[in-house]
């Protein structure tokens, strides 16, 4: 089994899948820590790609935004609901990944 070349990965898709997949895994399993598996795997895959495409400084910034989106979804969920919160932060983080890394 081999990963795709880092330069060929659509990180916007991976970011959205990690955030939404992590939330769904936690919700459907009833075991919140289990949601970190897709979140961490997607974060690794995206960071690997960002590092190859843009270097370590941009990778650190995008990774901080990815983790920050996860953190922001929790207080936002109390205001607008869990599903809308996850969609909103996923869309924002994916858009940022697309603009900074994927669109070039």
C-alpha atoms as a PDB file:
ATOM      1  CA  UNK A   1       0.000   0.000   0.000  1.00  0.00           C
ATOM      2  CA  UNK A   2       1.340   3.408  -1.001  1.00  0.00           C
ATOM      3  CA  UNK A   3       0.174   6.979  -0.434  1.00  0.00           C
ATOM      4  CA  UNK A   4      -0.337   9.190  -3.468  1.00  0.00           C
ATOM      5  CA  UNK A   5       2.413  11.671  -4.196  1.00  0.00           C
ATOM      6  CA  UNK A   6       2.047  14.540  -1.741  1.00  0.00           C
ATOM      7  CA  UNK A   7       1.946  17.074  -4.552  1.00  0.00           C
ATOM      8  CA  UNK A   8      -1.137  15.371  -6.051  1.00  0.00           C
ATOM      9  CA  UNK A   9      -3.308  15.434  -2.910  1.00  0.00           C
ATOM     10  CA  UNK A  10      -6.310  17.782  -2.822  1.00  0.00           C
ATOM     11  CA  UNK A  11      -5.867  19.050   0.707  1.00  0.00           C
ATOM     12  CA  UNK A  12      -9.160  20.947   0.760  1.00  0.00           C
ATOM     13  CA  UNK A  13     -10.984  17.644   0.320  1.00  0.00           C
ATOM     14  CA  UNK A  14      -8.828  15.911   2.915  1.00  0.00           C
ATOM     15  CA  UNK A  15      -9.390  18.713   5.456  1.00  0.00           C
ATOM     16  CA  UNK A  16     -13.168  18.604   5.007  1.00  0.00           C
ATOM     17  CA  UNK A  17     -13.177  14.804   5.213  1.00  0.00           C
ATOM     18  CA  UNK A  18     -11.100  14.857   8.407  1.00  0.00           C
ATOM     19  CA  UNK A  19     -13.307  17.356  10.225  1.00  0.00           C
ATOM     20  CA  UNK A  20     -16.624  15.889   9.094  1.00  0.00           C
ATOM     21  CA  UNK A  21     -15.395  12.290   9.399  1.00  0.00           C
ATOM     22  CA  UNK A  22     -14.061  12.900  12.894  1.00  0.00           C
ATOM     23  CA  UNK A  23     -17.363  14.375  14.013  1.00  0.00           C
ATOM     24  CA  UNK A  24     -19.392  11.555  12.457  1.00  0.00           C
ATOM     25  CA  UNK A  25     -17.133   8.887  13.935  1.00  0.00           C
ATOM     26  CA  UNK A  26     -17.463  10.369  17.417  1.00  0.00           C
ATOM     27  CA  UNK A  27     -21.220  10.851  17.077  1.00  0.00           C
ATOM     28  CA  UNK A  28     -22.074   7.468  15.627  1.00  0.00           C
ATOM     29  CA  UNK A  29     -19.747   5.433  17.850  1.00  0.00           C
ATOM     30  CA  UNK A  30     -20.682   7.299  21.013  1.00  0.00           C
ATOM     31  CA  UNK A  31     -16.969   7.357  21.857  1.00  0.00           C
ATOM     32  CA  UNK A  32     -15.754  10.927  21.382  1.00  0.00           C
ATOM     33  CA  UNK A  33     -12.009  10.146  21.421  1.00  0.00           C
ATOM     34  CA  UNK A  34     -12.535   7.774  18.484  1.00  0.00           C
ATOM     35  CA  UNK A  35     -13.218  10.842  16.339  1.00  0.00           C
ATOM     36  CA  UNK A  36      -9.564  11.817  16.611  1.00  0.00           C
ATOM     37  CA  UNK A  37      -8.554   8.931  14.338  1.00  0.00           C
ATOM     38  CA  UNK A  38      -9.936  10.365  11.065  1.00  0.00           C
ATOM     39  CA  UNK A  39      -9.063  13.877  12.269  1.00  0.00           C
ATOM     40  CA  UNK A  40      -5.410  12.973  12.895  1.00  0.00           C
ATOM     41  CA  UNK A  41      -5.046  10.819   9.763  1.00  0.00           C
ATOM     42  CA  UNK A  42      -6.410  13.582   7.560  1.00  0.00           C
ATOM     43  CA  UNK A  43      -4.268  16.165   9.326  1.00  0.00           C
ATOM     44  CA  UNK A  44      -1.173  14.086   8.650  1.00  0.00           C
ATOM     45  CA  UNK A  45      -2.047  13.575   4.985  1.00  0.00           C
ATOM     46  CA  UNK A  46      -2.782  17.270   4.445  1.00  0.00           C
ATOM     47  CA  UNK A  47       0.324  18.426   6.344  1.00  0.00           C
ATOM     48  CA  UNK A  48       2.511  16.100   4.298  1.00  0.00           C
ATOM     49  CA  UNK A  49       1.149  17.682   1.144  1.00  0.00           C
ATOM     50  CA  UNK A  50       1.367  21.268   2.416  1.00  0.00           C
ATOM     51  CA  UNK A  51       4.970  20.717   3.411  1.00  0.00           C
ATOM     52  CA  UNK A  52       5.930  19.490  -0.049  1.00  0.00           C
ATOM     53  CA  UNK A  53       3.957  22.196  -1.867  1.00  0.00           C
ATOM     54  CA  UNK A  54       4.570  25.225   0.355  1.00  0.00           C
ATOM     55  CA  UNK A  55       7.181  24.435   3.004  1.00  0.00           C
ATOM     56  CA  UNK A  56       7.159  24.207   6.801  1.00  0.00           C
ATOM     57  CA  UNK A  57       6.006  27.755   7.639  1.00  0.00           C
ATOM     58  CA  UNK A  58       2.830  27.499   5.550  1.00  0.00           C
ATOM     59  CA  UNK A  59       2.307  23.957   6.806  1.00  0.00           C
ATOM     60  CA  UNK A  60       2.398  25.184  10.403  1.00  0.00           C
ATOM     61  CA  UNK A  61      -0.122  27.915   9.632  1.00  0.00           C
ATOM     62  CA  UNK A  62      -2.531  25.634   7.792  1.00  0.00           C
ATOM     63  CA  UNK A  63      -2.216  22.945  10.450  1.00  0.00           C
ATOM     64  CA  UNK A  64      -2.987  25.548  13.121  1.00  0.00           C
ATOM     65  CA  UNK A  65      -6.068  26.579  11.134  1.00  0.00           C
ATOM     66  CA  UNK A  66      -7.149  22.926  10.832  1.00  0.00           C
ATOM     67  CA  UNK A  67      -6.799  22.277  14.563  1.00  0.00           C
ATOM     68  CA  UNK A  68      -8.335  25.683  15.293  1.00  0.00           C
ATOM     69  CA  UNK A  69     -11.372  24.810  13.168  1.00  0.00           C
ATOM     70  CA  UNK A  70     -11.826  21.663  15.220  1.00  0.00           C
ATOM     71  CA  UNK A  71     -11.596  23.684  18.436  1.00  0.00           C
ATOM     72  CA  UNK A  72     -13.940  26.400  17.147  1.00  0.00           C
ATOM     73  CA  UNK A  73     -16.612  23.883  16.208  1.00  0.00           C
ATOM     74  CA  UNK A  74     -17.302  23.055  19.854  1.00  0.00           C
ATOM     75  CA  UNK A  75     -18.346  26.505  21.141  1.00  0.00           C
ATOM     76  CA  UNK A  76     -19.998  27.282  17.799  1.00  0.00           C
ATOM     77  CA  UNK A  77     -22.108  24.125  18.141  1.00  0.00           C
ATOM     78  CA  UNK A  78     -23.671  25.552  21.310  1.00  0.00           C
ATOM     79  CA  UNK A  79     -24.866  28.561  19.319  1.00  0.00           C
ATOM     80  CA  UNK A  80     -25.955  27.089  15.973  1.00  0.00           C
ATOM     81  CA  UNK A  81     -26.040  23.312  16.509  1.00  0.00           C
ATOM     82  CA  UNK A  82     -23.556  20.527  15.953  1.00  0.00           C
ATOM     83  CA  UNK A  83     -24.132  19.744  12.287  1.00  0.00           C
ATOM     84  CA  UNK A  84     -24.181  23.401  11.087  1.00  0.00           C
ATOM     85  CA  UNK A  85     -21.084  24.091  13.165  1.00  0.00           C
ATOM     86  CA  UNK A  86     -19.127  21.199  11.668  1.00  0.00           C
ATOM     87  CA  UNK A  87     -20.163  22.189   8.142  1.00  0.00           C
ATOM     88  CA  UNK A  88     -19.207  25.838   8.732  1.00  0.00           C
ATOM     89  CA  UNK A  89     -15.737  25.169  10.141  1.00  0.00           C
ATOM     90  CA  UNK A  90     -15.069  22.443   7.562  1.00  0.00           C
ATOM     91  CA  UNK A  91     -15.990  24.789   4.724  1.00  0.00           C
ATOM     92  CA  UNK A  92     -13.789  27.537   6.139  1.00  0.00           C
ATOM     93  CA  UNK A  93     -10.759  25.305   6.694  1.00  0.00           C
ATOM     94  CA  UNK A  94     -11.167  23.628   3.300  1.00  0.00           C
ATOM     95  CA  UNK A  95     -11.483  26.996   1.544  1.00  0.00           C
ATOM     96  CA  UNK A  96      -8.306  28.207   3.230  1.00  0.00           C
ATOM     97  CA  UNK A  97      -6.442  25.036   2.218  1.00  0.00           C
ATOM     98  CA  UNK A  98      -7.650  25.436  -1.346  1.00  0.00           C
ATOM     99  CA  UNK A  99      -6.663  29.087  -1.650  1.00  0.00           C
ATOM    100  CA  UNK A 100      -3.260  28.744   0.034  1.00  0.00           C
ATOM    101  CA  UNK A 101      -2.175  25.348  -1.252  1.00  0.00           C
ATOM    102  CA  UNK A 102      -4.364  23.641  -3.843  1.00  0.00           C
ATOM    103  CA  UNK A 103      -5.216  26.419  -6.281  1.00  0.00           C
ATOM    104  CA  UNK A 104      -1.659  26.953  -7.558  1.00  0.00           C
END
